[in-house]
Amino acid sequence: MDLGEKCKLGQADSYQVCHKWLKDCKGCVLSLDEIRTYCRIVTALSKTIEIQAQIDELYPGVGKGLLLLRIERR
């Protein structure tokens, strides 16, 4: 899945980062370095999503357990 497809599945934080970056550059002529920076941002977000999916697969329910732990401590 590409980043756009991930965003459609509810991973909107990544989309917001990309959208904000592009919105800030609207009307600008981007240099090669700026284009490379954007590509690096998209690559980093894509890899982060992939790694998070692997972690979620290996440790199902870990996030839920942490949430319960936080609630119990209060």
PDB file of N, CA and C in Angstrom:
ATOM      1  N   MET A   1       0.831  -1.193   0.000  1.00  0.00           N
ATOM      2  CA  MET A   1       0.000   0.000   0.000  1.00  0.00           C
ATOM      3  C   MET A   1       0.867   1.245   0.000  1.00  0.00           C
ATOM      4  N   ASP A   2       0.450   2.215  -0.784  1.00  0.00           N
ATOM      5  CA  ASP A   2       1.202   3.460  -0.765  1.00  0.00           C
ATOM      6  C   ASP A   2       0.673   4.376   0.334  1.00  0.00           C
ATOM      7  N   LEU A   3       1.321   5.489   0.522  1.00  0.00           N
ATOM      8  CA  LEU A   3       0.960   6.400   1.610  1.00  0.00           C
ATOM      9  C   LEU A   3      -0.466   6.899   1.470  1.00  0.00           C
ATOM     10  N   GLY A   4      -0.891   7.182   0.239  1.00  0.00           N
ATOM     11  CA  GLY A   4      -2.254   7.649   0.006  1.00  0.00           C
ATOM     12  C   GLY A   4      -3.291   6.633   0.443  1.00  0.00           C
ATOM     13  N   GLU A   5      -3.024   5.361   0.152  1.00  0.00           N
ATOM     14  CA  GLU A   5      -3.948   4.302   0.560  1.00  0.00           C
ATOM     15  C   GLU A   5      -3.972   4.166   2.074  1.00  0.00           C
ATOM     16  N   LYS A   6      -2.838   4.286   2.711  1.00  0.00           N
ATOM     17  CA  LYS A   6      -2.774   4.221   4.176  1.00  0.00           C
ATOM     18  C   LYS A   6      -3.602   5.353   4.784  1.00  0.00           C
ATOM     19  N   CYS A   7      -3.504   6.525   4.190  1.00  0.00           N
ATOM     20  CA  CYS A   7      -4.253   7.668   4.705  1.00  0.00           C
ATOM     21  C   CYS A   7      -5.753   7.424   4.609  1.00  0.00           C
ATOM     22  N   LYS A   8      -6.167   6.789   3.518  1.00  0.00           N
ATOM     23  CA  LYS A   8      -7.588   6.491   3.349  1.00  0.00           C
ATOM     24  C   LYS A   8      -8.071   5.510   4.404  1.00  0.00           C
ATOM     25  N   LEU A   9      -7.158   4.708   4.940  1.00  0.00           N
ATOM     26  CA  LEU A   9      -7.517   3.728   5.950  1.00  0.00           C
ATOM     27  C   LEU A   9      -7.492   4.324   7.357  1.00  0.00           C
ATOM     28  N   GLY A  10      -7.329   5.618   7.459  1.00  0.00           N
ATOM     29  CA  GLY A  10      -7.438   6.255   8.765  1.00  0.00           C
ATOM     30  C   GLY A  10      -6.129   6.726   9.360  1.00  0.00           C
ATOM     31  N   GLN A  11      -5.049   6.627   8.638  1.00  0.00           N
ATOM     32  CA  GLN A  11      -3.769   7.077   9.167  1.00  0.00           C
ATOM     33  C   GLN A  11      -3.566   8.528   8.735  1.00  0.00           C
ATOM     34  N   ALA A  12      -4.431   9.365   9.241  1.00  0.00           N
ATOM     35  CA  ALA A  12      -4.522  10.748   8.785  1.00  0.00           C
ATOM     36  C   ALA A  12      -3.350  11.609   9.231  1.00  0.00           C
ATOM     37  N   ASP A  13      -2.653  11.239  10.296  1.00  0.00           N
ATOM     38  CA  ASP A  13      -1.530  12.059  10.749  1.00  0.00           C
ATOM     39  C   ASP A  13      -0.488  12.214   9.650  1.00  0.00           C
ATOM     40  N   SER A  14      -0.212  11.131   8.952  1.00  0.00           N
ATOM     41  CA  SER A  14       0.755  11.185   7.856  1.00  0.00           C
ATOM     42  C   SER A  14       0.278  12.131   6.769  1.00  0.00           C
ATOM     43  N   TYR A  15      -0.994  12.026   6.456  1.00  0.00           N
ATOM     44  CA  TYR A  15      -1.563  12.893   5.425  1.00  0.00           C
ATOM     45  C   TYR A  15      -1.440  14.349   5.842  1.00  0.00           C
ATOM     46  N   GLN A  16      -1.699  14.636   7.117  1.00  0.00           N
ATOM     47  CA  GLN A  16      -1.648  16.020   7.581  1.00  0.00           C
ATOM     48  C   GLN A  16      -0.245  16.597   7.452  1.00  0.00           C
ATOM     49  N   VAL A  17       0.755  15.787   7.718  1.00  0.00           N
ATOM     50  CA  VAL A  17       2.140  16.249   7.586  1.00  0.00           C
ATOM     51  C   VAL A  17       2.420  16.605   6.135  1.00  0.00           C
ATOM     52  N   CYS A  18       2.067  15.717   5.224  1.00  0.00           N
ATOM     53  CA  CYS A  18       2.310  15.954   3.796  1.00  0.00           C
ATOM     54  C   CYS A  18       1.501  17.149   3.299  1.00  0.00           C
ATOM     55  N   HIS A  19       0.244  17.190   3.690  1.00  0.00           N
ATOM     56  CA  HIS A  19      -0.634  18.278   3.254  1.00  0.00           C
ATOM     57  C   HIS A  19      -0.114  19.623   3.747  1.00  0.00           C
ATOM     58  N   LYS A  20       0.299  19.682   4.992  1.00  0.00           N
ATOM     59  CA  LYS A  20       0.806  20.933   5.573  1.00  0.00           C
ATOM     60  C   LYS A  20       2.068  21.388   4.844  1.00  0.00           C
ATOM     61  N   TRP A  21       2.966  20.448   4.586  1.00  0.00           N
ATOM     62  CA  TRP A  21       4.215  20.796   3.904  1.00  0.00           C
ATOM     63  C   TRP A  21       3.916  21.367   2.530  1.00  0.00           C
ATOM     64  N   LEU A  22       3.040  20.685   1.789  1.00  0.00           N
ATOM     65  CA  LEU A  22       2.699  21.153   0.447  1.00  0.00           C
ATOM     66  C   LEU A  22       1.942  22.479   0.494  1.00  0.00           C
ATOM     67  N   LYS A  23       1.058  22.633   1.471  1.00  0.00           N
ATOM     68  CA  LYS A  23       0.294  23.872   1.611  1.00  0.00           C
ATOM     69  C   LYS A  23       1.234  25.041   1.872  1.00  0.00           C
ATOM     70  N   ASP A  24       2.244  24.803   2.710  1.00  0.00           N
ATOM     71  CA  ASP A  24       3.211  25.856   3.020  1.00  0.00           C
ATOM     72  C   ASP A  24       4.033  26.252   1.791  1.00  0.00           C
ATOM     73  N   CYS A  25       4.159  25.334   0.846  1.00  0.00           N
ATOM     74  CA  CYS A  25       4.969  25.584  -0.355  1.00  0.00           C
ATOM     75  C   CYS A  25       4.127  26.020  -1.550  1.00  0.00           C
ATOM     76  N   LYS A  26       2.819  26.146  -1.356  1.00  0.00           N
ATOM     77  CA  LYS A  26       1.923  26.488  -2.458  1.00  0.00           C
ATOM     78  C   LYS A  26       2.363  27.799  -3.107  1.00  0.00           C
ATOM     79  N   GLY A  27       2.452  27.778  -4.421  1.00  0.00           N
ATOM     80  CA  GLY A  27       2.843  28.963  -5.173  1.00  0.00           C
ATOM     81  C   GLY A  27       4.340  29.165  -5.269  1.00  0.00           C
ATOM     82  N   CYS A  28       5.105  28.323  -4.604  1.00  0.00           N
ATOM     83  CA  CYS A  28       6.567  28.436  -4.636  1.00  0.00           C
ATOM     84  C   CYS A  28       7.137  27.534  -5.730  1.00  0.00           C
ATOM     85  N   VAL A  29       8.259  27.920  -6.222  1.00  0.00           N
ATOM     86  CA  VAL A  29       9.015  27.049  -7.105  1.00  0.00           C
ATOM     87  C   VAL A  29       9.996  26.304  -6.214  1.00  0.00           C
ATOM     88  N   LEU A  30       9.841  24.982  -6.155  1.00  0.00           N
ATOM     89  CA  LEU A  30      10.668  24.182  -5.253  1.00  0.00           C
ATOM     90  C   LEU A  30      12.026  23.894  -5.861  1.00  0.00           C
ATOM     91  N   SER A  31      13.028  23.995  -5.036  1.00  0.00           N
ATOM     92  CA  SER A  31      14.376  23.633  -5.466  1.00  0.00           C
ATOM     93  C   SER A  31      14.504  22.116  -5.436  1.00  0.00           C
ATOM     94  N   LEU A  32      15.553  21.611  -6.019  1.00  0.00           N
ATOM     95  CA  LEU A  32      15.798  20.175  -6.007  1.00  0.00           C
ATOM     96  C   LEU A  32      15.938  19.672  -4.569  1.00  0.00           C
ATOM     97  N   ASP A  33      16.598  20.440  -3.712  1.00  0.00           N
ATOM     98  CA  ASP A  33      16.745  20.051  -2.303  1.00  0.00           C
ATOM     99  C   ASP A  33      15.392  19.986  -1.594  1.00  0.00           C
ATOM    100  N   GLU A  34      14.501  20.917  -1.892  1.00  0.00           N
ATOM    101  CA  GLU A  34      13.177  20.902  -1.275  1.00  0.00           C
ATOM    102  C   GLU A  34      12.353  19.698  -1.748  1.00  0.00           C
ATOM    103  N   ILE A  35      12.477  19.365  -3.015  1.00  0.00           N
ATOM    104  CA  ILE A  35      11.789  18.181  -3.549  1.00  0.00           C
ATOM    105  C   ILE A  35      12.336  16.918  -2.892  1.00  0.00           C
ATOM    106  N   ARG A  36      13.640  16.860  -2.741  1.00  0.00           N
ATOM    107  CA  ARG A  36      14.255  15.712  -2.059  1.00  0.00           C
ATOM    108  C   ARG A  36      13.789  15.622  -0.607  1.00  0.00           C
ATOM    109  N   THR A  37      13.687  16.768   0.050  1.00  0.00           N
ATOM    110  CA  THR A  37      13.211  16.792   1.436  1.00  0.00           C
ATOM    111  C   THR A  37      11.803  16.216   1.522  1.00  0.00           C
ATOM    112  N   TYR A  38      10.932  16.638   0.625  1.00  0.00           N
ATOM    113  CA  TYR A  38       9.564  16.125   0.635  1.00  0.00           C
ATOM    114  C   TYR A  38       9.550  14.618   0.397  1.00  0.00           C
ATOM    115  N   CYS A  39      10.359  14.165  -0.538  1.00  0.00           N
ATOM    116  CA  CYS A  39      10.445  12.720  -0.807  1.00  0.00           C
ATOM    117  C   CYS A  39      10.930  11.969   0.429  1.00  0.00           C
ATOM    118  N   ARG A  40      11.868  12.550   1.156  1.00  0.00           N
ATOM    119  CA  ARG A  40      12.363  11.916   2.386  1.00  0.00           C
ATOM    120  C   ARG A  40      11.279  11.875   3.459  1.00  0.00           C
ATOM    121  N   ILE A  41      10.486  12.927   3.542  1.00  0.00           N
ATOM    122  CA  ILE A  41       9.385  12.956   4.510  1.00  0.00           C
ATOM    123  C   ILE A  41       8.400  11.840   4.200  1.00  0.00           C
ATOM    124  N   VAL A  42       8.003  11.725   2.935  1.00  0.00           N
ATOM    125  CA  VAL A  42       7.048  10.699   2.528  1.00  0.00           C
ATOM    126  C   VAL A  42       7.625   9.305   2.775  1.00  0.00           C
ATOM    127  N   THR A  43       8.898   9.111   2.459  1.00  0.00           N
ATOM    128  CA  THR A  43       9.549   7.814   2.687  1.00  0.00           C
ATOM    129  C   THR A  43       9.586   7.486   4.176  1.00  0.00           C
ATOM    130  N   ALA A  44       9.953   8.459   5.003  1.00  0.00           N
ATOM    131  CA  ALA A  44      10.005   8.231   6.450  1.00  0.00           C
ATOM    132  C   ALA A  44       8.625   7.892   7.003  1.00  0.00           C
ATOM    133  N   LEU A  45       7.603   8.592   6.551  1.00  0.00           N
ATOM    134  CA  LEU A  45       6.246   8.302   7.005  1.00  0.00           C
ATOM    135  C   LEU A  45       5.802   6.912   6.563  1.00  0.00           C
ATOM    136  N   SER A  46       6.106   6.552   5.327  1.00  0.00           N
ATOM    137  CA  SER A  46       5.736   5.229   4.825  1.00  0.00           C
ATOM    138  C   SER A  46       6.416   4.123   5.621  1.00  0.00           C
ATOM    139  N   LYS A  47       7.704   4.299   5.873  1.00  0.00           N
ATOM    140  CA  LYS A  47       8.446   3.293   6.652  1.00  0.00           C
ATOM    141  C   LYS A  47       7.913   3.209   8.079  1.00  0.00           C
ATOM    142  N   THR A  48       7.586   4.354   8.664  1.00  0.00           N
ATOM    143  CA  THR A  48       7.031   4.375  10.021  1.00  0.00           C
ATOM    144  C   THR A  48       5.723   3.598  10.071  1.00  0.00           C
ATOM    145  N   ILE A  49       4.871   3.800   9.070  1.00  0.00           N
ATOM    146  CA  ILE A  49       3.599   3.084   9.006  1.00  0.00           C
ATOM    147  C   ILE A  49       3.846   1.581   8.875  1.00  0.00           C
ATOM    148  N   GLU A  50       4.800   1.193   8.026  1.00  0.00           N
ATOM    149  CA  GLU A  50       5.133  -0.225   7.854  1.00  0.00           C
ATOM    150  C   GLU A  50       5.623  -0.842   9.161  1.00  0.00           C
ATOM    151  N   ILE A  51       6.544  -0.163   9.819  1.00  0.00           N
ATOM    152  CA  ILE A  51       7.107  -0.675  11.074  1.00  0.00           C
ATOM    153  C   ILE A  51       6.040  -0.765  12.153  1.00  0.00           C
ATOM    154  N   GLN A  52       5.175   0.248  12.225  1.00  0.00           N
ATOM    155  CA  GLN A  52       4.099   0.225  13.215  1.00  0.00           C
ATOM    156  C   GLN A  52       3.165  -0.952  12.962  1.00  0.00           C
ATOM    157  N   ALA A  53       2.891  -1.256  11.703  1.00  0.00           N
ATOM    158  CA  ALA A  53       2.032  -2.397  11.375  1.00  0.00           C
ATOM    159  C   ALA A  53       2.688  -3.705  11.818  1.00  0.00           C
ATOM    160  N   GLN A  54       4.001  -3.817  11.630  1.00  0.00           N
ATOM    161  CA  GLN A  54       4.726  -5.013  12.066  1.00  0.00           C
ATOM    162  C   GLN A  54       4.692  -5.139  13.582  1.00  0.00           C
ATOM    163  N   ILE A  55       4.887  -4.047  14.284  1.00  0.00           N
ATOM    164  CA  ILE A  55       4.841  -4.061  15.747  1.00  0.00           C
ATOM    165  C   ILE A  55       3.446  -4.472  16.216  1.00  0.00           C
ATOM    166  N   ASP A  56       2.431  -3.879  15.600  1.00  0.00           N
ATOM    167  CA  ASP A  56       1.055  -4.210  15.971  1.00  0.00           C
ATOM    168  C   ASP A  56       0.749  -5.685  15.740  1.00  0.00           C
ATOM    169  N   GLU A  57       1.331  -6.238  14.686  1.00  0.00           N
ATOM    170  CA  GLU A  57       1.128  -7.651  14.373  1.00  0.00           C
ATOM    171  C   GLU A  57       1.809  -8.543  15.416  1.00  0.00           C
ATOM    172  N   LEU A  58       3.013  -8.164  15.822  1.00  0.00           N
ATOM    173  CA  LEU A  58       3.768  -8.960  16.784  1.00  0.00           C
ATOM    174  C   LEU A  58       3.236  -8.834  18.207  1.00  0.00           C
ATOM    175  N   TYR A  59       2.726  -7.672  18.522  1.00  0.00           N
ATOM    176  CA  TYR A  59       2.277  -7.406  19.884  1.00  0.00           C
ATOM    177  C   TYR A  59       0.839  -6.897  19.897  1.00  0.00           C
ATOM    178  N   PRO A  60      -0.105  -7.741  19.510  1.00  0.00           N
ATOM    179  CA  PRO A  60      -1.497  -7.276  19.500  1.00  0.00           C
ATOM    180  C   PRO A  60      -1.965  -6.944  20.916  1.00  0.00           C
ATOM    181  N   GLY A  61      -2.650  -5.863  21.028  1.00  0.00           N
ATOM    182  CA  GLY A  61      -3.219  -5.491  22.312  1.00  0.00           C
ATOM    183  C   GLY A  61      -2.269  -4.781  23.247  1.00  0.00           C
ATOM    184  N   VAL A  62      -1.021  -4.577  22.852  1.00  0.00           N
ATOM    185  CA  VAL A  62      -0.070  -3.911  23.743  1.00  0.00           C
ATOM    186  C   VAL A  62      -0.543  -2.501  24.049  1.00  0.00           C
ATOM    187  N   GLY A  63      -0.965  -1.771  23.039  1.00  0.00           N
ATOM    188  CA  GLY A  63      -1.450  -0.416  23.249  1.00  0.00           C
ATOM    189  C   GLY A  63      -2.647  -0.389  24.170  1.00  0.00           C
ATOM    190  N   LYS A  64      -3.532  -1.371  24.025  1.00  0.00           N
ATOM    191  CA  LYS A  64      -4.707  -1.441  24.885  1.00  0.00           C
ATOM    192  C   LYS A  64      -4.287  -1.703  26.326  1.00  0.00           C
ATOM    193  N   GLY A  65      -3.293  -2.560  26.513  1.00  0.00           N
ATOM    194  CA  GLY A  65      -2.798  -2.860  27.852  1.00  0.00           C
ATOM    195  C   GLY A  65      -2.182  -1.636  28.507  1.00  0.00           C
ATOM    196  N   LEU A  66      -1.472  -0.842  27.733  1.00  0.00           N
ATOM    197  CA  LEU A  66      -0.873   0.375  28.272  1.00  0.00           C
ATOM    198  C   LEU A  66      -1.949   1.372  28.659  1.00  0.00           C
ATOM    199  N   LEU A  67      -2.981   1.439  27.864  1.00  0.00           N
ATOM    200  CA  LEU A  67      -4.085   2.346  28.174  1.00  0.00           C
ATOM    201  C   LEU A  67      -4.748   1.935  29.488  1.00  0.00           C
ATOM    202  N   LEU A  68      -4.974   0.642  29.669  1.00  0.00           N
ATOM    203  CA  LEU A  68      -5.574   0.169  30.902  1.00  0.00           C
ATOM    204  C   LEU A  68      -4.677   0.444  32.099  1.00  0.00           C
ATOM    205  N   LEU A  69      -3.376   0.287  31.914  1.00  0.00           N
ATOM    206  CA  LEU A  69      -2.426   0.552  32.989  1.00  0.00           C
ATOM    207  C   LEU A  69      -2.484   2.015  33.398  1.00  0.00           C
ATOM    208  N   ARG A  70      -2.567   2.899  32.449  1.00  0.00           N
ATOM    209  CA  ARG A  70      -2.640   4.327  32.759  1.00  0.00           C
ATOM    210  C   ARG A  70      -3.916   4.650  33.523  1.00  0.00           C
ATOM    211  N   ILE A  71      -5.004   4.057  33.127  1.00  0.00           N
ATOM    212  CA  ILE A  71      -6.278   4.307  33.794  1.00  0.00           C
ATOM    213  C   ILE A  71      -6.241   3.784  35.229  1.00  0.00           C
ATOM    214  N   GLU A  72      -5.649   2.622  35.437  1.00  0.00           N
ATOM    215  CA  GLU A  72      -5.584   2.034  36.769  1.00  0.00           C
ATOM    216  C   GLU A  72      -4.709   2.861  37.705  1.00  0.00           C
ATOM    217  N   ARG A  73      -3.699   3.501  37.221  1.00  0.00           N
ATOM    218  CA  ARG A  73      -2.801   4.277  38.059  1.00  0.00           C
ATOM    219  C   ARG A  73      -3.426   5.570  38.545  1.00  0.00           C
ATOM    220  N   ARG A  74      -4.415   6.039  37.870  1.00  0.00           N
ATOM    221  CA  ARG A  74      -5.037   7.319  38.260  1.00  0.00           C
ATOM    222  C   ARG A  74      -5.828   7.166  39.463  1.00  0.00           C
TER     223      ARG A  74
END
